[in-house]
Amino acid sequence: MAGRKCTICSHPKRNEIDKSLAVDGAVLRAIAVQFRVSKDSLKRHMDNGHIAEKITKATHVQEIQEADDLLSQIMNAKKEIREIRKEARNRTFKPKDGDPVADPDNELALKTFDKEAKFLEMEGKVVGAFKGDKPTGAITLRFDKEDKDL
């Protein structure tokens, strides 16, 4: 025989009830009266970890959002670094008399590889590619089509 479903979890105002229960000094009797549920149902809801489960899920969702935001910032920084490298490699010099001559800034281009490597490492940490400081699997360096000429 399966256990009864938690009446608080199936209550139409569950979110409001959970918020009320999460307040320091919450009085079960007052919450029970406010939402027309039994004090025992509220106690079982809390004792069976249903609020903790919800908080854990909410925390996990928040962590995912923060990681996603960080990953987005890393991707934007990598894109800017690649643009700088492209500009450095495609730099030209125009003498007073004559056509532009290729004058790549190879030193700057090489420095951008170092910066991008640091962002790749951060990206790997955000997506969980490493356990501690040791890689958990192969790391694939991916370059955009526009990077082929670099």
Protein backbone atom coordinates (compact mmCIF):
# COMPACT_ATOMS: atom_id res chain seq x y z
CA MET A 1 0.00 0.00 0.00
CA ALA A 2 1.47 3.35 -1.06
CA GLY A 3 1.67 6.18 1.44
CA ARG A 4 -0.74 9.09 1.28
CA LYS A 5 0.24 12.05 -0.83
CA CYS A 6 1.26 15.05 1.25
CA THR A 7 -1.76 17.36 1.47
CA ILE A 8 0.49 20.41 1.67
CA CYS A 9 2.46 19.43 -1.46
CA SER A 10 -0.82 19.11 -3.39
CA HIS A 11 -2.36 22.26 -1.88
CA PRO A 12 -3.11 25.02 -4.45
CA LYS A 13 -1.29 27.55 -2.25
CA ARG A 14 1.74 25.38 -1.53
CA ASN A 15 4.26 28.09 -2.44
CA GLU A 16 2.66 30.55 -0.02
CA ILE A 17 2.52 27.87 2.71
CA ASP A 18 6.20 27.00 2.18
CA LYS A 19 7.15 30.68 2.35
CA SER A 20 5.21 31.04 5.61
CA LEU A 21 6.89 27.95 7.07
CA ALA A 22 10.34 29.20 6.09
CA VAL A 23 10.01 32.39 8.19
CA ASP A 24 11.93 32.29 11.49
CA GLY A 25 9.51 31.93 14.37
CA ALA A 26 6.67 30.68 12.17
CA VAL A 27 3.71 29.48 14.24
CA LEU A 28 2.20 26.29 12.82
CA ARG A 29 -1.21 26.92 14.36
CA ALA A 30 -1.47 30.37 12.72
CA ILE A 31 -0.36 29.02 9.33
CA ALA A 32 -2.81 26.10 9.63
CA VAL A 33 -5.68 28.52 10.30
CA GLN A 34 -4.61 30.90 7.52
CA PHE A 35 -4.51 28.17 4.85
CA ARG A 36 -7.24 25.93 6.35
CA VAL A 37 -5.01 22.89 6.77
CA SER A 38 -4.18 20.84 9.83
CA LYS A 39 -1.23 21.62 12.05
CA ASP A 40 -0.24 17.93 11.81
CA SER A 41 -0.15 18.13 7.99
CA LEU A 42 2.20 21.12 8.20
CA LYS A 43 4.42 19.29 10.69
CA ARG A 44 4.56 16.14 8.49
CA HIS A 45 5.32 18.31 5.45
CA MET A 46 8.29 19.82 7.28
CA ASP A 47 9.45 16.60 8.99
CA ASN A 48 9.40 14.64 5.72
CA GLY A 49 11.78 17.16 4.16
CA HIS A 50 9.43 18.49 1.51
CA ILE A 51 10.50 22.09 2.14
CA ALA A 52 14.18 21.13 2.22
CA GLU A 53 13.72 19.25 -1.07
CA LYS A 54 12.15 22.32 -2.66
CA ILE A 55 14.91 24.61 -1.34
CA THR A 56 17.56 22.21 -2.66
CA LYS A 57 15.94 22.24 -6.10
CA ALA A 58 15.68 26.04 -6.06
CA THR A 59 19.33 26.34 -5.02
CA HIS A 60 20.35 23.97 -7.81
CA VAL A 61 18.40 26.01 -10.37
CA GLN A 62 20.07 29.20 -9.08
CA GLU A 63 23.51 27.59 -9.35
CA ILE A 64 22.77 26.49 -12.92
CA GLN A 65 21.69 30.03 -13.82
CA GLU A 66 24.84 31.52 -12.28
CA ALA A 67 27.03 29.01 -14.11
CA ASP A 68 25.21 29.75 -17.35
CA ASP A 69 25.76 33.50 -16.87
CA LEU A 70 29.45 32.93 -16.14
CA LEU A 71 29.78 30.66 -19.16
CA SER A 72 28.19 33.33 -21.33
CA GLN A 73 30.69 35.92 -20.06
CA ILE A 74 33.57 33.53 -20.73
CA MET A 75 32.34 32.87 -24.27
CA ASN A 76 32.06 36.62 -24.94
CA ALA A 77 35.58 37.22 -23.62
CA LYS A 78 36.94 34.41 -25.81
CA LYS A 79 35.23 35.96 -28.82
CA GLU A 80 36.84 39.33 -28.09
CA ILE A 81 40.24 37.70 -27.64
CA ARG A 82 39.86 35.98 -31.02
CA GLU A 83 38.95 39.31 -32.63
CA ILE A 84 42.08 40.91 -31.18
CA ARG A 85 44.20 38.01 -32.45
CA LYS A 86 42.62 38.31 -35.90
CA GLU A 87 43.30 42.06 -35.98
CA ALA A 88 46.89 41.49 -34.81
CA ARG A 89 47.52 38.88 -37.52
CA ASN A 90 45.89 40.99 -40.25
CA ARG A 91 47.60 44.26 -39.32
CA THR A 92 49.09 46.18 -42.23
CA PHE A 93 51.48 49.07 -42.63
CA LYS A 94 50.92 51.69 -45.36
CA PRO A 95 54.10 53.41 -46.46
CA LYS A 96 53.83 56.97 -47.74
CA ASP A 97 54.41 55.84 -51.29
CA GLY A 98 52.96 52.46 -52.03
CA ASP A 99 50.49 49.77 -51.24
CA PRO A 100 49.80 48.45 -47.75
CA VAL A 101 52.25 45.83 -46.57
CA ALA A 102 51.41 42.98 -44.20
CA ASP A 103 52.77 43.80 -40.73
CA PRO A 104 51.29 41.24 -38.34
CA ASP A 105 51.80 41.75 -34.62
CA ASN A 106 52.83 38.17 -33.86
CA GLU A 107 53.72 38.99 -30.25
CA LEU A 108 50.19 40.21 -29.53
CA ALA A 109 48.70 37.26 -31.44
CA LEU A 110 50.69 34.83 -29.27
CA LYS A 111 49.66 36.64 -26.08
CA THR A 112 46.02 36.14 -27.05
CA PHE A 113 46.58 32.36 -27.12
CA ASP A 114 47.73 32.55 -23.49
CA LYS A 115 44.65 34.55 -22.51
CA GLU A 116 42.33 32.22 -24.39
CA ALA A 117 43.90 29.20 -22.67
CA LYS A 118 43.02 30.74 -19.30
CA PHE A 119 39.42 31.28 -20.41
CA LEU A 120 39.27 27.70 -21.74
CA GLU A 121 40.38 26.48 -18.32
CA MET A 122 37.68 28.57 -16.62
CA GLU A 123 35.11 27.26 -19.10
CA GLY A 124 36.19 23.70 -18.32
CA LYS A 125 35.71 24.30 -14.61
CA VAL A 126 32.26 25.83 -15.14
CA VAL A 127 31.04 22.91 -17.26
CA GLY A 128 32.64 20.34 -14.95
CA ALA A 129 35.32 19.05 -17.29
CA PHE A 130 37.79 18.81 -14.41
CA LYS A 131 37.65 17.08 -11.06
CA GLY A 132 39.83 19.13 -8.77
CA ASP A 133 42.74 20.16 -10.95
CA LYS A 134 42.84 16.94 -12.95
CA PRO A 135 40.99 16.63 -16.26
CA THR A 136 38.28 13.96 -16.20
CA GLY A 137 38.46 13.34 -19.93
CA ALA A 138 39.85 14.57 -23.19
CA ILE A 139 39.68 18.28 -23.83
CA THR A 140 38.88 19.38 -27.35
CA LEU A 141 39.96 22.82 -28.47
CA ARG A 142 37.35 24.22 -30.82
CA PHE A 143 37.97 27.12 -33.14
CA ASP A 144 35.36 28.99 -35.11
CA LYS A 145 35.49 28.99 -38.89
CA GLU A 146 36.82 32.53 -38.83
CA ASP A 147 39.88 31.33 -36.88
CA LYS A 148 41.11 29.07 -39.70
CA ASP A 149 43.11 31.90 -41.23
CA LEU A 150 44.92 32.60 -37.96
